[in-house]
Amino acid sequence: MTVVPLRHGRERDYMPRPGLSTRPALTHLMLLMTADATFARRLLREPLVTATAHPHYPVHLDAQDRATLQTICSCSQNVDEMLKNLADVIDGNPA
């Protein structure tokens, strides 16, 4: 999955391009983040709690996905960075 900026500078203006992924839970998170900016901001602050506590679409992460998400969130300064880093992992690049 690749994140394509639609307009520069706004965290909601990123749109994922679906493709094959070996990390479906992280792909699911990416789609939820692009659909809901509030969810994305909460995920940056509290990744594991937020991912599993989504009111309509909880995401079940395995140990590898939990570790990857923690690493991405701890290295990201904002939602834009988190989206980019998450897209890299989904595309098969290391975190």
PDB file of N, CA and C in Angstrom:
ATOM      1  N   MET A   1       0.856  -1.162   0.000  1.00  0.00           N
ATOM      2  CA  MET A   1       0.000   0.000   0.000  1.00  0.00           C
ATOM      3  C   MET A   1       0.901   1.222   0.000  1.00  0.00           C
ATOM      4  N   THR A   2       0.603   2.157  -0.838  1.00  0.00           N
ATOM      5  CA  THR A   2       1.367   3.389  -0.927  1.00  0.00           C
ATOM      6  C   THR A   2       0.471   4.551  -0.546  1.00  0.00           C
ATOM      7  N   VAL A   3       0.999   5.488   0.227  1.00  0.00           N
ATOM      8  CA  VAL A   3       0.237   6.671   0.597  1.00  0.00           C
ATOM      9  C   VAL A   3       0.593   7.781  -0.371  1.00  0.00           C
ATOM     10  N   VAL A   4      -0.420   8.360  -0.974  1.00  0.00           N
ATOM     11  CA  VAL A   4      -0.225   9.406  -1.968  1.00  0.00           C
ATOM     12  C   VAL A   4      -0.780  10.716  -1.432  1.00  0.00           C
ATOM     13  N   PRO A   5       0.057  11.762  -1.316  1.00  0.00           N
ATOM     14  CA  PRO A   5      -0.476  13.040  -0.834  1.00  0.00           C
ATOM     15  C   PRO A   5      -1.386  13.670  -1.879  1.00  0.00           C
ATOM     16  N   LEU A   6      -2.565  14.089  -1.462  1.00  0.00           N
ATOM     17  CA  LEU A   6      -3.478  14.784  -2.354  1.00  0.00           C
ATOM     18  C   LEU A   6      -3.197  16.277  -2.332  1.00  0.00           C
ATOM     19  N   ARG A   7      -2.935  16.800  -1.154  1.00  0.00           N
ATOM     20  CA  ARG A   7      -2.511  18.190  -0.966  1.00  0.00           C
ATOM     21  C   ARG A   7      -1.484  18.181   0.143  1.00  0.00           C
ATOM     22  N   HIS A   8      -0.501  19.002   0.046  1.00  0.00           N
ATOM     23  CA  HIS A   8       0.570  18.999   1.031  1.00  0.00           C
ATOM     24  C   HIS A   8       0.141  19.663   2.339  1.00  0.00           C
ATOM     25  N   GLY A   9       0.555  19.064   3.454  1.00  0.00           N
ATOM     26  CA  GLY A   9       0.434  19.720   4.740  1.00  0.00           C
ATOM     27  C   GLY A   9      -0.778  19.387   5.586  1.00  0.00           C
ATOM     28  N   ARG A  10      -1.690  18.585   5.097  1.00  0.00           N
ATOM     29  CA  ARG A  10      -2.863  18.244   5.904  1.00  0.00           C
ATOM     30  C   ARG A  10      -2.914  16.743   6.085  1.00  0.00           C
ATOM     31  N   GLU A  11      -3.007  16.302   7.351  1.00  0.00           N
ATOM     32  CA  GLU A  11      -2.926  14.879   7.643  1.00  0.00           C
ATOM     33  C   GLU A  11      -4.094  14.075   7.066  1.00  0.00           C
ATOM     34  N   ARG A  12      -5.232  14.697   6.846  1.00  0.00           N
ATOM     35  CA  ARG A  12      -6.373  13.967   6.307  1.00  0.00           C
ATOM     36  C   ARG A  12      -6.304  13.812   4.796  1.00  0.00           C
ATOM     37  N   ASP A  13      -5.388  14.503   4.158  1.00  0.00           N
ATOM     38  CA  ASP A  13      -5.340  14.508   2.700  1.00  0.00           C
ATOM     39  C   ASP A  13      -4.392  13.458   2.128  1.00  0.00           C
ATOM     40  N   TYR A  14      -4.332  12.318   2.760  1.00  0.00           N
ATOM     41  CA  TYR A  14      -3.535  11.217   2.254  1.00  0.00           C
ATOM     42  C   TYR A  14      -4.469  10.062   1.950  1.00  0.00           C
ATOM     43  N   MET A  15      -4.247   9.435   0.822  1.00  0.00           N
ATOM     44  CA  MET A  15      -5.132   8.360   0.406  1.00  0.00           C
ATOM     45  C   MET A  15      -4.317   7.111   0.101  1.00  0.00           C
ATOM     46  N   PRO A  16      -4.660   5.988   0.704  1.00  0.00           N
ATOM     47  CA  PRO A  16      -3.910   4.767   0.419  1.00  0.00           C
ATOM     48  C   PRO A  16      -4.334   4.159  -0.911  1.00  0.00           C
ATOM     49  N   ARG A  17      -3.393   3.536  -1.567  1.00  0.00           N
ATOM     50  CA  ARG A  17      -3.693   2.752  -2.768  1.00  0.00           C
ATOM     51  C   ARG A  17      -3.618   1.292  -2.370  1.00  0.00           C
ATOM     52  N   PRO A  18      -4.735   0.585  -2.416  1.00  0.00           N
ATOM     53  CA  PRO A  18      -4.717  -0.812  -1.996  1.00  0.00           C
ATOM     54  C   PRO A  18      -3.872  -1.670  -2.933  1.00  0.00           C
ATOM     55  N   GLY A  19      -3.268  -2.661  -2.385  1.00  0.00           N
ATOM     56  CA  GLY A  19      -2.485  -3.633  -3.134  1.00  0.00           C
ATOM     57  C   GLY A  19      -2.339  -4.864  -2.262  1.00  0.00           C
ATOM     58  N   LEU A  20      -1.527  -5.781  -2.693  1.00  0.00           N
ATOM     59  CA  LEU A  20      -1.300  -6.975  -1.900  1.00  0.00           C
ATOM     60  C   LEU A  20      -0.438  -6.632  -0.697  1.00  0.00           C
ATOM     61  N   SER A  21      -0.794  -7.187   0.431  1.00  0.00           N
ATOM     62  CA  SER A  21      -0.040  -6.930   1.649  1.00  0.00           C
ATOM     63  C   SER A  21       0.075  -8.216   2.441  1.00  0.00           C
ATOM     64  N   THR A  22       1.243  -8.402   3.018  1.00  0.00           N
ATOM     65  CA  THR A  22       1.421  -9.539   3.915  1.00  0.00           C
ATOM     66  C   THR A  22       1.078  -9.146   5.341  1.00  0.00           C
ATOM     67  N   ARG A  23       0.676  -7.903   5.537  1.00  0.00           N
ATOM     68  CA  ARG A  23       0.329  -7.371   6.864  1.00  0.00           C
ATOM     69  C   ARG A  23      -1.103  -6.835   6.850  1.00  0.00           C
ATOM     70  N   PRO A  24      -2.107  -7.700   6.733  1.00  0.00           N
ATOM     71  CA  PRO A  24      -3.493  -7.228   6.594  1.00  0.00           C
ATOM     72  C   PRO A  24      -4.009  -6.412   7.779  1.00  0.00           C
ATOM     73  N   ALA A  25      -3.569  -6.724   8.994  1.00  0.00           N
ATOM     74  CA  ALA A  25      -4.034  -5.943  10.149  1.00  0.00           C
ATOM     75  C   ALA A  25      -3.518  -4.507  10.060  1.00  0.00           C
ATOM     76  N   LEU A  26      -2.268  -4.342   9.651  1.00  0.00           N
ATOM     77  CA  LEU A  26      -1.713  -3.001   9.506  1.00  0.00           C
ATOM     78  C   LEU A  26      -2.370  -2.261   8.342  1.00  0.00           C
ATOM     79  N   THR A  27      -2.710  -2.981   7.295  1.00  0.00           N
ATOM     80  CA  THR A  27      -3.439  -2.375   6.176  1.00  0.00           C
ATOM     81  C   THR A  27      -4.797  -1.876   6.657  1.00  0.00           C
ATOM     82  N   HIS A  28      -5.463  -2.684   7.458  1.00  0.00           N
ATOM     83  CA  HIS A  28      -6.763  -2.302   8.033  1.00  0.00           C
ATOM     84  C   HIS A  28      -6.606  -1.022   8.864  1.00  0.00           C
ATOM     85  N   LEU A  29      -5.549  -0.963   9.692  1.00  0.00           N
ATOM     86  CA  LEU A  29      -5.295   0.242  10.488  1.00  0.00           C
ATOM     87  C   LEU A  29      -5.082   1.453   9.600  1.00  0.00           C
ATOM     88  N   MET A  30      -4.330   1.284   8.518  1.00  0.00           N
ATOM     89  CA  MET A  30      -4.060   2.391   7.594  1.00  0.00           C
ATOM     90  C   MET A  30      -5.374   2.928   7.019  1.00  0.00           C
ATOM     91  N   LEU A  31      -6.254   2.048   6.634  1.00  0.00           N
ATOM     92  CA  LEU A  31      -7.540   2.479   6.074  1.00  0.00           C
ATOM     93  C   LEU A  31      -8.375   3.215   7.127  1.00  0.00           C
ATOM     94  N   LEU A  32      -8.388   2.714   8.351  1.00  0.00           N
ATOM     95  CA  LEU A  32      -9.121   3.396   9.424  1.00  0.00           C
ATOM     96  C   LEU A  32      -8.524   4.769   9.710  1.00  0.00           C
ATOM     97  N   MET A  33      -7.201   4.871   9.686  1.00  0.00           N
ATOM     98  CA  MET A  33      -6.538   6.149   9.950  1.00  0.00           C
ATOM     99  C   MET A  33      -6.857   7.187   8.878  1.00  0.00           C
ATOM    100  N   THR A  34      -6.895   6.764   7.623  1.00  0.00           N
ATOM    101  CA  THR A  34      -7.180   7.721   6.557  1.00  0.00           C
ATOM    102  C   THR A  34      -8.649   8.131   6.555  1.00  0.00           C
ATOM    103  N   ALA A  35      -9.504   7.289   7.119  1.00  0.00           N
ATOM    104  CA  ALA A  35     -10.930   7.607   7.165  1.00  0.00           C
ATOM    105  C   ALA A  35     -11.296   8.482   8.361  1.00  0.00           C
ATOM    106  N   ASP A  36     -10.483   8.442   9.415  1.00  0.00           N
ATOM    107  CA  ASP A  36     -10.847   9.125  10.651  1.00  0.00           C
ATOM    108  C   ASP A  36      -9.606   9.762  11.284  1.00  0.00           C
ATOM    109  N   ALA A  37      -9.473  11.066  11.138  1.00  0.00           N
ATOM    110  CA  ALA A  37      -8.302  11.792  11.648  1.00  0.00           C
ATOM    111  C   ALA A  37      -8.204  11.719  13.167  1.00  0.00           C
ATOM    112  N   THR A  38      -9.329  11.718  13.854  1.00  0.00           N
ATOM    113  CA  THR A  38      -9.313  11.621  15.314  1.00  0.00           C
ATOM    114  C   THR A  38      -8.752  10.276  15.749  1.00  0.00           C
ATOM    115  N   PHE A  39      -9.173   9.226  15.081  1.00  0.00           N
ATOM    116  CA  PHE A  39      -8.645   7.892  15.360  1.00  0.00           C
ATOM    117  C   PHE A  39      -7.134   7.863  15.120  1.00  0.00           C
ATOM    118  N   ALA A  40      -6.687   8.473  14.045  1.00  0.00           N
ATOM    119  CA  ALA A  40      -5.257   8.498  13.714  1.00  0.00           C
ATOM    120  C   ALA A  40      -4.449   9.211  14.793  1.00  0.00           C
ATOM    121  N   ARG A  41      -4.953  10.332  15.273  1.00  0.00           N
ATOM    122  CA  ARG A  41      -4.238  11.067  16.332  1.00  0.00           C
ATOM    123  C   ARG A  41      -4.191  10.264  17.630  1.00  0.00           C
ATOM    124  N   ARG A  42      -5.302   9.596  17.981  1.00  0.00           N
ATOM    125  CA  ARG A  42      -5.322   8.748  19.182  1.00  0.00           C
ATOM    126  C   ARG A  42      -4.356   7.570  19.031  1.00  0.00           C
ATOM    127  N   LEU A  43      -4.304   7.009  17.822  1.00  0.00           N
ATOM    128  CA  LEU A  43      -3.425   5.879  17.562  1.00  0.00           C
ATOM    129  C   LEU A  43      -1.961   6.271  17.758  1.00  0.00           C
ATOM    130  N   LEU A  44      -1.609   7.484  17.382  1.00  0.00           N
ATOM    131  CA  LEU A  44      -0.236   7.962  17.559  1.00  0.00           C
ATOM    132  C   LEU A  44       0.128   8.017  19.053  1.00  0.00           C
ATOM    133  N   ARG A  45      -0.809   8.427  19.889  1.00  0.00           N
ATOM    134  CA  ARG A  45      -0.559   8.553  21.331  1.00  0.00           C
ATOM    135  C   ARG A  45      -0.614   7.215  22.071  1.00  0.00           C
ATOM    136  N   GLU A  46      -1.631   6.412  21.760  1.00  0.00           N
ATOM    137  CA  GLU A  46      -1.851   5.131  22.447  1.00  0.00           C
ATOM    138  C   GLU A  46      -2.139   4.043  21.418  1.00  0.00           C
ATOM    139  N   PRO A  47      -1.112   3.552  20.749  1.00  0.00           N
ATOM    140  CA  PRO A  47      -1.338   2.670  19.606  1.00  0.00           C
ATOM    141  C   PRO A  47      -2.059   1.356  19.911  1.00  0.00           C
ATOM    142  N   LEU A  48      -1.636   0.635  20.918  1.00  0.00           N
ATOM    143  CA  LEU A  48      -2.222  -0.689  21.141  1.00  0.00           C
ATOM    144  C   LEU A  48      -3.636  -0.615  21.691  1.00  0.00           C
ATOM    145  N   VAL A  49      -3.878   0.298  22.586  1.00  0.00           N
ATOM    146  CA  VAL A  49      -5.222   0.463  23.147  1.00  0.00           C
ATOM    147  C   VAL A  49      -6.184   0.939  22.067  1.00  0.00           C
ATOM    148  N   THR A  50      -5.779   1.933  21.303  1.00  0.00           N
ATOM    149  CA  THR A  50      -6.649   2.512  20.279  1.00  0.00           C
ATOM    150  C   THR A  50      -6.979   1.515  19.180  1.00  0.00           C
ATOM    151  N   ALA A  51      -5.994   0.757  18.733  1.00  0.00           N
ATOM    152  CA  ALA A  51      -6.215  -0.199  17.645  1.00  0.00           C
ATOM    153  C   ALA A  51      -7.249  -1.251  18.022  1.00  0.00           C
ATOM    154  N   THR A  52      -7.165  -1.744  19.232  1.00  0.00           N
ATOM    155  CA  THR A  52      -8.085  -2.817  19.627  1.00  0.00           C
ATOM    156  C   THR A  52      -9.416  -2.306  20.147  1.00  0.00           C
ATOM    157  N   ALA A  53      -9.498  -1.009  20.443  1.00  0.00           N
ATOM    158  CA  ALA A  53     -10.716  -0.461  21.043  1.00  0.00           C
ATOM    159  C   ALA A  53     -11.575   0.344  20.073  1.00  0.00           C
ATOM    160  N   HIS A  54     -11.318   0.241  18.771  1.00  0.00           N
ATOM    161  CA  HIS A  54     -12.160   0.972  17.818  1.00  0.00           C
ATOM    162  C   HIS A  54     -13.601   0.508  18.005  1.00  0.00           C
ATOM    163  N   PRO A  55     -14.555   1.435  18.109  1.00  0.00           N
ATOM    164  CA  PRO A  55     -15.929   1.051  18.440  1.00  0.00           C
ATOM    165  C   PRO A  55     -16.620   0.181  17.381  1.00  0.00           C
ATOM    166  N   HIS A  56     -16.231   0.312  16.122  1.00  0.00           N
ATOM    167  CA  HIS A  56     -16.911  -0.447  15.067  1.00  0.00           C
ATOM    168  C   HIS A  56     -16.012  -1.462  14.387  1.00  0.00           C
ATOM    169  N   TYR A  57     -14.719  -1.176  14.306  1.00  0.00           N
ATOM    170  CA  TYR A  57     -13.791  -2.027  13.563  1.00  0.00           C
ATOM    171  C   TYR A  57     -12.524  -2.297  14.375  1.00  0.00           C
ATOM    172  N   PRO A  58     -12.603  -3.043  15.455  1.00  0.00           N
ATOM    173  CA  PRO A  58     -11.385  -3.324  16.228  1.00  0.00           C
ATOM    174  C   PRO A  58     -10.401  -4.133  15.374  1.00  0.00           C
ATOM    175  N   VAL A  59      -9.130  -3.837  15.547  1.00  0.00           N
ATOM    176  CA  VAL A  59      -8.081  -4.507  14.784  1.00  0.00           C
ATOM    177  C   VAL A  59      -7.343  -5.450  15.723  1.00  0.00           C
ATOM    178  N   HIS A  60      -7.256  -6.704  15.340  1.00  0.00           N
ATOM    179  CA  HIS A  60      -6.574  -7.708  16.149  1.00  0.00           C
ATOM    180  C   HIS A  60      -5.154  -7.857  15.616  1.00  0.00           C
ATOM    181  N   LEU A  61      -4.187  -7.428  16.421  1.00  0.00           N
ATOM    182  CA  LEU A  61      -2.788  -7.428  16.026  1.00  0.00           C
ATOM    183  C   LEU A  61      -2.054  -8.615  16.635  1.00  0.00           C
ATOM    184  N   ASP A  62      -1.239  -9.283  15.816  1.00  0.00           N
ATOM    185  CA  ASP A  62      -0.384 -10.328  16.367  1.00  0.00           C
ATOM    186  C   ASP A  62       0.842  -9.671  17.008  1.00  0.00           C
ATOM    187  N   ALA A  63       1.706 -10.458  17.589  1.00  0.00           N
ATOM    188  CA  ALA A  63       2.869  -9.919  18.311  1.00  0.00           C
ATOM    189  C   ALA A  63       3.771  -9.094  17.391  1.00  0.00           C
ATOM    190  N   GLN A  64       3.983  -9.554  16.168  1.00  0.00           N
ATOM    191  CA  GLN A  64       4.837  -8.825  15.231  1.00  0.00           C
ATOM    192  C   GLN A  64       4.206  -7.478  14.866  1.00  0.00           C
ATOM    193  N   ASP A  65       2.907  -7.465  14.607  1.00  0.00           N
ATOM    194  CA  ASP A  65       2.227  -6.215  14.264  1.00  0.00           C
ATOM    195  C   ASP A  65       2.215  -5.242  15.448  1.00  0.00           C
ATOM    196  N   ARG A  66       2.025  -5.760  16.660  1.00  0.00           N
ATOM    197  CA  ARG A  66       2.054  -4.896  17.845  1.00  0.00           C
ATOM    198  C   ARG A  66       3.423  -4.243  18.003  1.00  0.00           C
ATOM    199  N   ALA A  67       4.482  -5.027  17.849  1.00  0.00           N
ATOM    200  CA  ALA A  67       5.840  -4.490  17.965  1.00  0.00           C
ATOM    201  C   ALA A  67       6.121  -3.468  16.874  1.00  0.00           C
ATOM    202  N   THR A  68       5.689  -3.763  15.660  1.00  0.00           N
ATOM    203  CA  THR A  68       5.895  -2.840  14.543  1.00  0.00           C
ATOM    204  C   THR A  68       5.150  -1.533  14.778  1.00  0.00           C
ATOM    205  N   LEU A  69       3.898  -1.628  15.217  1.00  0.00           N
ATOM    206  CA  LEU A  69       3.106  -0.426  15.470  1.00  0.00           C
ATOM    207  C   LEU A  69       3.725   0.421  16.583  1.00  0.00           C
ATOM    208  N   GLN A  70       4.187  -0.230  17.641  1.00  0.00           N
ATOM    209  CA  GLN A  70       4.848   0.500  18.733  1.00  0.00           C
ATOM    210  C   GLN A  70       6.085   1.237  18.212  1.00  0.00           C
ATOM    211  N   THR A  71       6.888   0.565  17.395  1.00  0.00           N
ATOM    212  CA  THR A  71       8.094   1.173  16.838  1.00  0.00           C
ATOM    213  C   THR A  71       7.744   2.370  15.957  1.00  0.00           C
ATOM    214  N   ILE A  72       6.760   2.200  15.089  1.00  0.00           N
ATOM    215  CA  ILE A  72       6.351   3.280  14.187  1.00  0.00           C
ATOM    216  C   ILE A  72       5.866   4.489  14.982  1.00  0.00           C
ATOM    217  N   CYS A  73       5.027   4.253  15.967  1.00  0.00           N
ATOM    218  CA  CYS A  73       4.475   5.367  16.744  1.00  0.00           C
ATOM    219  C   CYS A  73       5.546   6.071  17.576  1.00  0.00           C
ATOM    220  N   SER A  74       6.480   5.315  18.104  1.00  0.00           N
ATOM    221  CA  SER A  74       7.529   5.945  18.917  1.00  0.00           C
ATOM    222  C   SER A  74       8.502   6.760  18.062  1.00  0.00           C
ATOM    223  N   CYS A  75       8.617   6.418  16.786  1.00  0.00           N
ATOM    224  CA  CYS A  75       9.535   7.139  15.889  1.00  0.00           C
ATOM    225  C   CYS A  75       8.845   8.273  15.127  1.00  0.00           C
ATOM    226  N   SER A  76       7.537   8.365  15.213  1.00  0.00           N
ATOM    227  CA  SER A  76       6.783   9.350  14.436  1.00  0.00           C
ATOM    228  C   SER A  76       6.460  10.575  15.264  1.00  0.00           C
ATOM    229  N   GLN A  77       6.678  11.745  14.685  1.00  0.00           N
ATOM    230  CA  GLN A  77       6.385  13.011  15.353  1.00  0.00           C
ATOM    231  C   GLN A  77       4.930  13.442  15.181  1.00  0.00           C
ATOM    232  N   ASN A  78       4.311  12.995  14.069  1.00  0.00           N
ATOM    233  CA  ASN A  78       2.939  13.412  13.773  1.00  0.00           C
ATOM    234  C   ASN A  78       2.250  12.329  12.951  1.00  0.00           C
ATOM    235  N   VAL A  79       0.987  12.545  12.646  1.00  0.00           N
ATOM    236  CA  VAL A  79       0.195  11.553  11.922  1.00  0.00           C
ATOM    237  C   VAL A  79       0.733  11.350  10.503  1.00  0.00           C
ATOM    238  N   ASP A  80       1.169  12.417   9.853  1.00  0.00           N
ATOM    239  CA  ASP A  80       1.715  12.286   8.497  1.00  0.00           C
ATOM    240  C   ASP A  80       2.901  11.328   8.474  1.00  0.00           C
ATOM    241  N   GLU A  81       3.807  11.503   9.425  1.00  0.00           N
ATOM    242  CA  GLU A  81       4.979  10.630   9.514  1.00  0.00           C
ATOM    243  C   GLU A  81       4.556   9.198   9.802  1.00  0.00           C
ATOM    244  N   MET A  82       3.590   9.048  10.696  1.00  0.00           N
ATOM    245  CA  MET A  82       3.121   7.715  11.040  1.00  0.00           C
ATOM    246  C   MET A  82       2.509   7.030   9.820  1.00  0.00           C
ATOM    247  N   LEU A  83       1.713   7.761   9.034  1.00  0.00           N
ATOM    248  CA  LEU A  83       1.122   7.194   7.826  1.00  0.00           C
ATOM    249  C   LEU A  83       2.198   6.755   6.837  1.00  0.00           C
ATOM    250  N   LYS A  84       3.214   7.589   6.661  1.00  0.00           N
ATOM    251  CA  LYS A  84       4.291   7.256   5.735  1.00  0.00           C
ATOM    252  C   LYS A  84       5.043   6.017   6.201  1.00  0.00           C
ATOM    253  N   ASN A  85       5.391   5.984   7.488  1.00  0.00           N
ATOM    254  CA  ASN A  85       6.126   4.840   8.027  1.00  0.00           C
ATOM    255  C   ASN A  85       5.300   3.558   7.980  1.00  0.00           C
ATOM    256  N   LEU A  86       4.026   3.666   8.268  1.00  0.00           N
ATOM    257  CA  LEU A  86       3.144   2.512   8.208  1.00  0.00           C
ATOM    258  C   LEU A  86       3.000   2.010   6.779  1.00  0.00           C
ATOM    259  N   ALA A  87       2.880   2.921   5.824  1.00  0.00           N
ATOM    260  CA  ALA A  87       2.794   2.541   4.417  1.00  0.00           C
ATOM    261  C   ALA A  87       4.068   1.826   3.969  1.00  0.00           C
ATOM    262  N   ASP A  88       5.222   2.293   4.439  1.00  0.00           N
ATOM    263  CA  ASP A  88       6.488   1.631   4.090  1.00  0.00           C
ATOM    264  C   ASP A  88       6.490   0.192   4.577  1.00  0.00           C
ATOM    265  N   VAL A  89       6.049  -0.020   5.813  1.00  0.00           N
ATOM    266  CA  VAL A  89       6.018  -1.384   6.359  1.00  0.00           C
ATOM    267  C   VAL A  89       5.036  -2.254   5.589  1.00  0.00           C
ATOM    268  N   ILE A  90       3.885  -1.717   5.287  1.00  0.00           N
ATOM    269  CA  ILE A  90       2.878  -2.478   4.540  1.00  0.00           C
ATOM    270  C   ILE A  90       3.404  -2.843   3.159  1.00  0.00           C
ATOM    271  N   ASP A  91       4.194  -1.939   2.573  1.00  0.00           N
ATOM    272  CA  ASP A  91       4.786  -2.214   1.251  1.00  0.00           C
ATOM    273  C   ASP A  91       5.955  -3.178   1.319  1.00  0.00           C
ATOM    274  N   GLY A  92       6.355  -3.581   2.533  1.00  0.00           N
ATOM    275  CA  GLY A  92       7.411  -4.566   2.666  1.00  0.00           C
ATOM    276  C   GLY A  92       8.764  -4.014   3.044  1.00  0.00           C
ATOM    277  N   ASN A  93       8.847  -2.717   3.334  1.00  0.00           N
ATOM    278  CA  ASN A  93      10.100  -2.119   3.774  1.00  0.00           C
ATOM    279  C   ASN A  93      10.171  -2.208   5.296  1.00  0.00           C
ATOM    280  N   PRO A  94      11.351  -2.411   5.857  1.00  0.00           N
ATOM    281  CA  PRO A  94      11.455  -2.564   7.314  1.00  0.00           C
ATOM    282  C   PRO A  94      11.115  -1.283   8.064  1.00  0.00           C
ATOM    283  N   ALA A  95      10.637  -1.452   9.295  1.00  0.00           N
ATOM    284  CA  ALA A  95      10.265  -0.297  10.132  1.00  0.00           C
ATOM    285  C   ALA A  95      11.496   0.417  10.636  1.00  0.00           C
TER     286      ALA A  95
END
